[in-house]
Amino acid sequence: MKSKGIYILATFVLVCTVLCIPGRNEMASYVWKKAEKPVVVLDPGHGGMDGGAQSSDGTSEKDINLSIAEQVKKQLEGEGVKVIMTRYKDEGLYDESQEGTIRSLKTQDMKERKRIIDDSKADLTVSIHLNSFTQDSSVKGAQVFYPSYGSEEAVEASKKAAEIIQSKFNNEINTDKKRTELGKGDVFLLKNITGPIVIVECGFLSNPEDAGNLKNKKFQIKISENLSDCICEYLSSR
């Protein structure tokens, strides 16, 4: 009888333990090889007067970029990652008190993003964007870009991160339209890099199906979960 009672008690404790296990965003499941917390910069593209790409119904890229970045931030912090955002609200990174052309303010904005990224000495920077190709609305799918030149170590690390993200997105997001990660040398943020960086274009606002998905909160969460998983996979592999 005594042994039976101990067995029942042990079973009860085990069940309680399983039921009390935290959910996805409450329990760290990755182990970092380095003692210090990994650092990630999230760069939600555009903001303020610069809405970025636009869907046929007028939905602006900047708002979706920020929404996805906020969710990725929450998920990464749940894994013990230190996250720095280039912007936390709908604003451009320029001095609004100064007058200037849209071009000059955009240049100021990009330089400030670059400064934040360089000063952070992050283990990885992920710039979040949405694509558009109005010449052909059938073009769709998420695609990842990395720098094609610069420090060999940083370029190789960026390419590795891009491959991880693109592979996951092709399996989970681009179910009927696989895309390939690409190196680019003509994008401001990908020039003169000081560390690993990728630009993630989460889909095409010019494509009706992609646009409909990207405006959907559940789809944004799906994107953010896949992206945060990939970031953690990259960080844990270093």
Protein backbone atom coordinates (compact mmCIF):
# COMPACT_ATOMS: atom_id res chain seq x y z
CA MET A 1 0.00 0.00 0.00
CA LYS A 2 2.84 2.35 0.93
CA SER A 3 4.64 1.79 -2.39
CA LYS A 4 1.38 2.31 -4.27
CA GLY A 5 0.87 5.62 -2.48
CA ILE A 6 4.38 6.74 -3.38
CA TYR A 7 3.75 5.80 -7.04
CA ILE A 8 0.51 7.82 -7.12
CA LEU A 9 2.25 10.82 -5.51
CA ALA A 10 5.13 10.64 -8.01
CA THR A 11 2.68 10.47 -10.92
CA PHE A 12 0.78 13.48 -9.56
CA VAL A 13 3.99 15.53 -9.25
CA LEU A 14 5.01 14.59 -12.81
CA VAL A 15 1.63 15.61 -14.25
CA CYS A 16 1.73 18.92 -12.36
CA THR A 17 5.24 19.58 -13.64
CA VAL A 18 4.21 18.99 -17.26
CA LEU A 19 1.11 21.14 -16.94
CA CYS A 20 3.14 23.97 -15.43
CA ILE A 21 5.75 24.08 -18.19
CA PRO A 22 5.73 27.63 -19.67
CA GLY A 23 4.56 28.31 -23.20
CA ARG A 24 6.67 29.27 -26.20
CA ASN A 25 7.36 32.84 -25.14
CA GLU A 26 7.94 32.05 -21.46
CA MET A 27 10.70 29.45 -21.63
CA ALA A 28 14.17 29.74 -23.13
CA SER A 29 14.88 26.70 -25.30
CA TYR A 30 18.25 27.74 -26.78
CA VAL A 31 21.65 27.47 -25.11
CA TRP A 32 24.19 30.17 -25.96
CA LYS A 33 27.81 29.07 -26.29
CA LYS A 34 29.12 32.41 -25.00
CA ALA A 35 28.67 33.60 -21.42
CA GLU A 36 27.21 37.00 -22.31
CA LYS A 37 23.75 37.52 -23.80
CA PRO A 38 23.69 37.63 -27.60
CA VAL A 39 22.74 41.03 -29.03
CA VAL A 40 20.41 41.48 -32.00
CA VAL A 41 19.41 44.71 -33.73
CA LEU A 42 15.95 44.76 -35.29
CA ASP A 43 15.47 47.48 -37.89
CA PRO A 44 11.80 48.01 -38.84
CA GLY A 45 12.16 49.73 -42.20
CA HIS A 46 10.76 53.19 -42.96
CA GLY A 47 8.59 55.19 -40.54
CA GLY A 48 7.22 58.71 -40.13
CA MET A 49 6.70 60.46 -43.44
CA ASP A 50 8.28 57.50 -45.24
CA GLY A 51 5.58 54.86 -45.53
CA GLY A 52 7.63 52.52 -47.71
CA ALA A 53 5.81 50.23 -50.12
CA GLN A 54 2.03 50.43 -50.33
CA SER A 55 -0.69 47.92 -51.15
CA SER A 56 -3.55 48.67 -53.55
CA ASP A 57 -5.80 49.59 -50.62
CA GLY A 58 -3.27 52.04 -49.21
CA THR A 59 -1.78 49.89 -46.45
CA SER A 60 1.73 51.15 -45.65
CA GLU A 61 4.74 48.93 -45.25
CA LYS A 62 6.08 50.88 -42.26
CA ASP A 63 3.28 49.77 -39.90
CA ILE A 64 3.58 46.06 -40.73
CA ASN A 65 7.37 46.21 -40.41
CA LEU A 66 7.05 47.63 -36.90
CA SER A 67 4.37 45.14 -35.89
CA ILE A 68 6.50 42.16 -36.97
CA ALA A 69 9.61 43.61 -35.31
CA GLU A 70 7.78 44.13 -32.01
CA GLN A 71 6.70 40.49 -31.98
CA VAL A 72 10.19 39.24 -32.88
CA LYS A 73 11.61 41.39 -30.07
CA LYS A 74 9.25 39.84 -27.53
CA GLN A 75 10.07 36.32 -28.67
CA LEU A 76 13.84 36.88 -28.68
CA GLU A 77 13.80 38.44 -25.24
CA GLY A 78 11.95 35.36 -24.04
CA GLU A 79 14.99 33.37 -25.21
CA GLY A 80 17.41 35.58 -23.30
CA VAL A 81 18.53 37.72 -26.25
CA LYS A 82 19.25 41.43 -25.80
CA VAL A 83 17.31 43.31 -28.50
CA ILE A 84 17.95 46.82 -29.79
CA MET A 85 15.40 48.42 -32.13
CA THR A 86 16.26 51.25 -34.50
CA ARG A 87 12.76 52.63 -33.94
CA TYR A 88 10.04 51.81 -31.43
CA LYS A 89 7.20 53.82 -32.94
CA ASP A 90 5.99 55.40 -36.18
CA GLU A 91 8.80 57.88 -36.69
CA GLY A 92 11.62 58.63 -39.05
CA LEU A 93 15.16 58.78 -37.69
CA TYR A 94 15.82 62.38 -38.64
CA ASP A 95 15.62 65.78 -36.97
CA GLU A 96 12.04 66.94 -37.55
CA SER A 97 12.94 70.51 -36.54
CA GLN A 98 15.20 70.87 -39.56
CA GLU A 99 13.87 71.69 -42.98
CA GLY A 100 15.07 69.67 -45.90
CA THR A 101 14.08 67.75 -48.98
CA ILE A 102 12.54 64.31 -48.63
CA ARG A 103 15.74 62.92 -50.10
CA SER A 104 17.96 64.65 -47.53
CA LEU A 105 15.75 63.53 -44.63
CA LYS A 106 15.79 59.96 -45.97
CA THR A 107 19.58 60.09 -46.14
CA GLN A 108 19.70 61.35 -42.56
CA ASP A 109 17.37 58.52 -41.55
CA MET A 110 19.52 55.83 -43.15
CA LYS A 111 22.73 57.21 -41.64
CA GLU A 112 21.17 57.15 -38.17
CA ARG A 113 20.07 53.53 -38.65
CA LYS A 114 23.61 52.67 -39.74
CA ARG A 115 25.04 54.45 -36.67
CA ILE A 116 22.77 52.49 -34.30
CA ILE A 117 23.74 49.23 -35.99
CA ASP A 118 27.48 49.96 -35.95
CA ASP A 119 27.50 51.23 -32.34
CA SER A 120 25.58 48.19 -31.10
CA LYS A 121 28.31 45.71 -32.10
CA ALA A 122 25.42 43.26 -32.49
CA ASP A 123 25.83 39.57 -33.17
CA LEU A 124 23.24 39.98 -35.94
CA THR A 125 21.20 42.79 -37.45
CA VAL A 126 17.89 42.01 -39.13
CA SER A 127 16.28 44.77 -41.19
CA ILE A 128 12.59 44.02 -41.70
CA HIS A 129 10.88 45.17 -44.90
CA LEU A 130 8.10 44.39 -47.36
CA ASN A 131 8.72 44.23 -51.08
CA SER A 132 6.83 45.64 -54.06
CA PHE A 133 6.98 45.06 -57.81
CA THR A 134 4.12 46.95 -59.42
CA GLN A 135 5.21 45.96 -62.94
CA ASP A 136 4.05 42.40 -62.24
CA SER A 137 1.61 41.80 -59.38
CA SER A 138 2.06 38.02 -59.67
CA VAL A 139 5.53 38.24 -58.12
CA LYS A 140 5.31 37.05 -54.50
CA GLY A 141 7.12 35.47 -51.59
CA ALA A 142 9.52 36.33 -48.78
CA GLN A 143 13.18 36.79 -49.68
CA VAL A 144 16.38 37.46 -47.73
CA PHE A 145 19.32 39.62 -48.79
CA TYR A 146 22.85 39.80 -47.41
CA PRO A 147 25.92 41.94 -48.23
CA SER A 148 27.88 40.72 -51.23
CA TYR A 149 31.14 42.40 -50.22
CA GLY A 150 32.94 43.72 -47.15
CA SER A 151 34.73 41.97 -44.30
CA GLU A 152 34.99 38.31 -45.34
CA GLU A 153 34.00 37.13 -41.86
CA ALA A 154 30.95 39.42 -41.71
CA VAL A 155 29.84 38.53 -45.24
CA GLU A 156 30.10 34.78 -44.57
CA ALA A 157 28.20 35.13 -41.28
CA SER A 158 25.53 37.24 -43.00
CA LYS A 159 25.19 34.67 -45.78
CA LYS A 160 24.83 31.88 -43.21
CA ALA A 161 22.04 33.76 -41.42
CA ALA A 162 20.34 34.50 -44.75
CA GLU A 163 20.44 30.82 -45.76
CA ILE A 164 18.90 29.74 -42.45
CA ILE A 165 16.07 32.27 -42.73
CA GLN A 166 15.38 31.66 -46.43
CA SER A 167 15.26 27.90 -45.96
CA LYS A 168 12.77 28.20 -43.11
CA PHE A 169 10.64 30.72 -44.99
CA ASN A 170 10.57 28.49 -48.08
CA ASN A 171 9.26 25.64 -45.94
CA GLU A 172 6.81 27.62 -43.81
CA ILE A 173 5.86 30.82 -45.69
CA ASN A 174 6.64 30.45 -49.40
CA THR A 175 4.81 27.15 -49.71
CA ASP A 176 4.03 27.59 -53.41
CA LYS A 177 6.80 29.98 -54.46
CA LYS A 178 10.32 29.18 -53.29
CA ARG A 179 12.84 31.99 -53.39
CA THR A 180 16.63 32.16 -53.04
CA GLU A 181 18.68 34.35 -50.70
CA LEU A 182 20.73 36.91 -52.63
CA GLY A 183 23.87 38.94 -52.04
CA LYS A 184 23.54 42.66 -52.80
CA GLY A 185 26.10 45.43 -52.87
CA ASP A 186 23.98 48.44 -53.80
CA VAL A 187 21.92 48.80 -50.60
CA PHE A 188 23.04 51.46 -48.10
CA LEU A 189 22.70 49.28 -44.99
CA LEU A 190 24.69 46.48 -46.64
CA LYS A 191 27.69 48.69 -47.44
CA ASN A 192 30.76 49.03 -45.19
CA ILE A 193 29.36 46.47 -42.77
CA THR A 194 30.88 46.00 -39.32
CA GLY A 195 29.03 42.78 -38.45
CA PRO A 196 26.51 40.22 -39.74
CA ILE A 197 23.39 41.76 -41.27
CA VAL A 198 20.46 40.61 -43.41
CA ILE A 199 17.48 42.34 -44.95
CA VAL A 200 14.30 40.27 -44.75
CA GLU A 201 11.62 41.17 -47.28
CA CYS A 202 8.58 39.42 -45.77
CA GLY A 203 6.48 39.43 -48.94
CA PHE A 204 5.16 41.65 -51.75
CA LEU A 205 2.54 44.29 -50.99
CA SER A 206 2.04 44.53 -54.76
CA ASN A 207 0.79 40.93 -54.80
CA PRO A 208 -2.86 40.63 -53.65
CA GLU A 209 -2.34 37.31 -51.82
CA ASP A 210 0.83 38.42 -50.05
CA ALA A 211 -0.73 41.77 -49.16
CA GLY A 212 -3.80 40.10 -47.67
CA ASN A 213 -1.62 37.79 -45.60
CA LEU A 214 0.74 40.52 -44.43
CA LYS A 215 -2.14 42.63 -43.12
CA ASN A 216 -3.39 39.66 -41.08
CA LYS A 217 -2.19 39.64 -37.46
CA LYS A 218 -2.02 35.83 -37.31
CA PHE A 219 0.21 35.77 -40.39
CA GLN A 220 2.43 38.47 -38.89
CA ILE A 221 2.82 36.27 -35.80
CA LYS A 222 3.69 33.30 -38.03
CA ILE A 223 6.36 35.38 -39.77
CA SER A 224 7.75 36.65 -36.46
CA GLU A 225 7.88 33.17 -34.90
CA ASN A 226 9.72 31.73 -37.89
CA LEU A 227 12.10 34.68 -37.97
CA SER A 228 12.89 34.57 -34.24
CA ASP A 229 13.47 30.79 -34.48
CA CYS A 230 15.94 31.36 -37.32
CA ILE A 231 17.75 34.13 -35.47
CA CYS A 232 18.12 31.88 -32.42
CA GLU A 233 19.29 28.98 -34.60
CA TYR A 234 21.96 31.23 -36.11
CA LEU A 235 23.06 32.61 -32.73
CA SER A 236 23.30 29.17 -31.14
CA SER A 237 25.43 27.87 -34.02
CA ARG A 238 28.22 30.42 -33.64
